Amino acid sequence: MKVRNWIISGIFIFAVIGLGSYLINNPVGLFKQLLFMGAAVAAVFIIYRIWTNRSQGGKEKNAFAKAAKQSKLRAKKRKSASQSTNHFRNRPLRKRSTAHLTVIEGKKSKKKDRAIF
């Protein structure tokens, strides 16, 4: 485990050194490269989102999302209404009386010899 940490930290250090030298030698090229990479990632993400929306059925998904939103709103309304009514119902509990227990006295002088059965 420690060897892997050293390898990962070494790769990270080399990446920082390389990025720094590229920034010093060619800052405009670095900016262009980062811009193109960001555009490529954004294009792939947009294509992926379009592809997944078509395969799942747009109308059904929109209807489900609308129903879920309405049920969440209904649940919020119920929760807030129940909290306000519980506030009035919240009264201090009456102190319960202790149970009245009696001790039944038996023949305590004649205890069994537990060693002999």
C-alpha atoms as a PDB file:
ATOM      1  CA  MET A   1       0.000   0.000   0.000  1.00  0.00           C
ATOM      2  CA  LYS A   2       2.803   2.407   0.814  1.00  0.00           C
ATOM      3  CA  VAL A   3       4.533   1.670  -2.504  1.00  0.00           C
ATOM      4  CA  ARG A   4       1.376   2.563  -4.388  1.00  0.00           C
ATOM      5  CA  ASN A   5       1.127   5.866  -2.495  1.00  0.00           C
ATOM      6  CA  TRP A   6       4.719   6.698  -3.429  1.00  0.00           C
ATOM      7  CA  ILE A   7       4.070   5.884  -7.096  1.00  0.00           C
ATOM      8  CA  ILE A   8       0.909   7.991  -7.226  1.00  0.00           C
ATOM      9  CA  SER A   9       2.572  10.917  -5.482  1.00  0.00           C
ATOM     10  CA  GLY A  10       5.563  10.660  -7.874  1.00  0.00           C
ATOM     11  CA  ILE A  11       3.277  10.748 -10.905  1.00  0.00           C
ATOM     12  CA  PHE A  12       1.455  13.733  -9.424  1.00  0.00           C
ATOM     13  CA  ILE A  13       4.734  15.589  -8.815  1.00  0.00           C
ATOM     14  CA  PHE A  14       5.936  14.911 -12.377  1.00  0.00           C
ATOM     15  CA  ALA A  15       2.588  16.138 -13.739  1.00  0.00           C
ATOM     16  CA  VAL A  16       2.848  19.384 -11.775  1.00  0.00           C
ATOM     17  CA  ILE A  17       6.443  19.918 -12.949  1.00  0.00           C
ATOM     18  CA  GLY A  18       5.487  19.250 -16.581  1.00  0.00           C
ATOM     19  CA  LEU A  19       2.459  21.522 -16.399  1.00  0.00           C
ATOM     20  CA  GLY A  20       4.561  24.285 -14.849  1.00  0.00           C
ATOM     21  CA  SER A  21       7.254  24.045 -17.523  1.00  0.00           C
ATOM     22  CA  TYR A  22       4.628  23.996 -20.290  1.00  0.00           C
ATOM     23  CA  LEU A  23       3.000  27.055 -18.704  1.00  0.00           C
ATOM     24  CA  ILE A  24       6.326  28.915 -18.620  1.00  0.00           C
ATOM     25  CA  ASN A  25       7.419  27.949 -22.163  1.00  0.00           C
ATOM     26  CA  ASN A  26       4.087  28.121 -24.033  1.00  0.00           C
ATOM     27  CA  PRO A  27       1.199  29.630 -22.024  1.00  0.00           C
ATOM     28  CA  VAL A  28      -1.007  30.300 -25.073  1.00  0.00           C
ATOM     29  CA  GLY A  29      -0.593  26.713 -26.262  1.00  0.00           C
ATOM     30  CA  LEU A  30      -1.552  25.435 -22.810  1.00  0.00           C
ATOM     31  CA  PHE A  31      -4.662  27.620 -22.811  1.00  0.00           C
ATOM     32  CA  LYS A  32      -5.653  26.372 -26.289  1.00  0.00           C
ATOM     33  CA  GLN A  33      -5.090  22.758 -25.303  1.00  0.00           C
ATOM     34  CA  LEU A  34      -7.192  23.106 -22.144  1.00  0.00           C
ATOM     35  CA  LEU A  35      -9.920  24.893 -24.119  1.00  0.00           C
ATOM     36  CA  PHE A  36     -10.080  22.140 -26.748  1.00  0.00           C
ATOM     37  CA  MET A  37     -10.110  19.413 -24.106  1.00  0.00           C
ATOM     38  CA  GLY A  38     -12.973  21.154 -22.304  1.00  0.00           C
ATOM     39  CA  ALA A  39     -14.906  21.515 -25.566  1.00  0.00           C
ATOM     40  CA  ALA A  40     -14.374  17.835 -26.390  1.00  0.00           C
ATOM     41  CA  VAL A  41     -15.560  16.724 -22.952  1.00  0.00           C
ATOM     42  CA  ALA A  42     -18.614  18.998 -23.213  1.00  0.00           C
ATOM     43  CA  ALA A  43     -19.467  17.623 -26.680  1.00  0.00           C
ATOM     44  CA  VAL A  44     -19.201  14.017 -25.480  1.00  0.00           C
ATOM     45  CA  PHE A  45     -21.361  14.832 -22.448  1.00  0.00           C
ATOM     46  CA  ILE A  46     -24.054  16.499 -24.581  1.00  0.00           C
ATOM     47  CA  ILE A  47     -24.115  13.567 -27.020  1.00  0.00           C
ATOM     48  CA  TYR A  48     -24.411  11.146 -24.095  1.00  0.00           C
ATOM     49  CA  ARG A  49     -27.320  13.098 -22.583  1.00  0.00           C
ATOM     50  CA  ILE A  50     -29.169  13.207 -25.914  1.00  0.00           C
ATOM     51  CA  TRP A  51     -28.596   9.476 -26.428  1.00  0.00           C
ATOM     52  CA  THR A  52     -29.871   8.515 -22.964  1.00  0.00           C
ATOM     53  CA  ASN A  53     -32.968  10.750 -23.207  1.00  0.00           C
ATOM     54  CA  ARG A  54     -34.044   9.166 -26.486  1.00  0.00           C
ATOM     55  CA  SER A  55     -33.638   5.626 -25.237  1.00  0.00           C
ATOM     56  CA  GLN A  56     -35.722   6.223 -22.086  1.00  0.00           C
ATOM     57  CA  GLY A  57     -38.691   7.888 -23.741  1.00  0.00           C
ATOM     58  CA  GLY A  58     -38.978  11.621 -23.279  1.00  0.00           C
ATOM     59  CA  LYS A  59     -42.741  11.984 -22.657  1.00  0.00           C
ATOM     60  CA  GLU A  60     -42.907   9.197 -20.088  1.00  0.00           C
ATOM     61  CA  LYS A  61     -39.874  10.531 -18.258  1.00  0.00           C
ATOM     62  CA  ASN A  62     -41.288  14.059 -18.172  1.00  0.00           C
ATOM     63  CA  ALA A  63     -44.637  12.799 -16.867  1.00  0.00           C
ATOM     64  CA  PHE A  64     -42.903  10.778 -14.157  1.00  0.00           C
ATOM     65  CA  ALA A  65     -40.777  13.757 -13.115  1.00  0.00           C
ATOM     66  CA  LYS A  66     -43.874  15.964 -12.904  1.00  0.00           C
ATOM     67  CA  ALA A  67     -45.736  13.399 -10.781  1.00  0.00           C
ATOM     68  CA  ALA A  68     -42.751  12.988  -8.460  1.00  0.00           C
ATOM     69  CA  LYS A  69     -42.505  16.750  -8.002  1.00  0.00           C
ATOM     70  CA  GLN A  70     -46.211  17.005  -7.170  1.00  0.00           C
ATOM     71  CA  SER A  71     -45.994  14.185  -4.630  1.00  0.00           C
ATOM     72  CA  LYS A  72     -43.023  15.875  -2.949  1.00  0.00           C
ATOM     73  CA  LEU A  73     -44.991  19.118  -2.694  1.00  0.00           C
ATOM     74  CA  ARG A  74     -47.977  17.237  -1.239  1.00  0.00           C
ATOM     75  CA  ALA A  75     -45.741  15.536   1.308  1.00  0.00           C
ATOM     76  CA  LYS A  76     -44.265  18.895   2.340  1.00  0.00           C
ATOM     77  CA  LYS A  77     -47.744  20.367   2.821  1.00  0.00           C
ATOM     78  CA  ARG A  78     -48.832  17.387   4.933  1.00  0.00           C
ATOM     79  CA  LYS A  79     -45.693  17.567   7.024  1.00  0.00           C
ATOM     80  CA  SER A  80     -46.042  21.288   7.750  1.00  0.00           C
ATOM     81  CA  ALA A  81     -49.752  20.908   8.571  1.00  0.00           C
ATOM     82  CA  SER A  82     -49.122  17.999  10.929  1.00  0.00           C
ATOM     83  CA  GLN A  83     -46.371  19.882  12.734  1.00  0.00           C
ATOM     84  CA  SER A  84     -48.641  22.842  13.441  1.00  0.00           C
ATOM     85  CA  THR A  85     -51.442  20.628  14.825  1.00  0.00           C
ATOM     86  CA  ASN A  86     -49.017  18.622  16.933  1.00  0.00           C
ATOM     87  CA  HIS A  87     -47.810  21.840  18.505  1.00  0.00           C
ATOM     88  CA  PHE A  88     -51.234  22.413  20.067  1.00  0.00           C
ATOM     89  CA  ARG A  89     -51.631  18.784  21.104  1.00  0.00           C
ATOM     90  CA  ASN A  90     -48.294  18.729  22.855  1.00  0.00           C
ATOM     91  CA  ARG A  91     -49.198  18.921  26.532  1.00  0.00           C
ATOM     92  CA  PRO A  92     -47.192  17.710  29.476  1.00  0.00           C
ATOM     93  CA  LEU A  93     -47.726  14.093  30.365  1.00  0.00           C
ATOM     94  CA  ARG A  94     -49.283  13.243  33.695  1.00  0.00           C
ATOM     95  CA  LYS A  95     -46.943  11.654  36.173  1.00  0.00           C
ATOM     96  CA  ARG A  96     -47.895   8.020  36.523  1.00  0.00           C
ATOM     97  CA  SER A  97     -48.364   6.568  39.937  1.00  0.00           C
ATOM     98  CA  THR A  98     -46.065   3.782  41.025  1.00  0.00           C
ATOM     99  CA  ALA A  99     -47.351   0.243  40.989  1.00  0.00           C
ATOM    100  CA  HIS A 100     -48.459  -0.972  44.406  1.00  0.00           C
ATOM    101  CA  LEU A 101     -46.761  -4.277  44.970  1.00  0.00           C
ATOM    102  CA  THR A 102     -47.075  -6.435  48.045  1.00  0.00           C
ATOM    103  CA  VAL A 103     -44.543  -8.927  49.299  1.00  0.00           C
ATOM    104  CA  ILE A 104     -45.863 -12.388  50.041  1.00  0.00           C
ATOM    105  CA  GLU A 105     -44.039 -13.775  52.996  1.00  0.00           C
ATOM    106  CA  GLY A 106     -43.310 -17.442  52.965  1.00  0.00           C
ATOM    107  CA  LYS A 107     -41.432 -19.915  55.067  1.00  0.00           C
ATOM    108  CA  LYS A 108     -38.013 -18.352  55.040  1.00  0.00           C
ATOM    109  CA  SER A 109     -36.619 -20.411  57.874  1.00  0.00           C
ATOM    110  CA  LYS A 110     -36.869 -23.681  55.956  1.00  0.00           C
ATOM    111  CA  LYS A 111     -34.519 -23.072  53.042  1.00  0.00           C
ATOM    112  CA  LYS A 112     -33.619 -26.037  50.879  1.00  0.00           C
ATOM    113  CA  ASP A 113     -30.153 -27.432  51.133  1.00  0.00           C
ATOM    114  CA  ARG A 114     -28.934 -26.678  47.636  1.00  0.00           C
ATOM    115  CA  ALA A 115     -26.067 -29.157  47.762  1.00  0.00           C
ATOM    116  CA  ILE A 116     -28.380 -32.171  48.093  1.00  0.00           C
ATOM    117  CA  PHE A 117     -30.983 -32.910  45.443  1.00  0.00           C
END
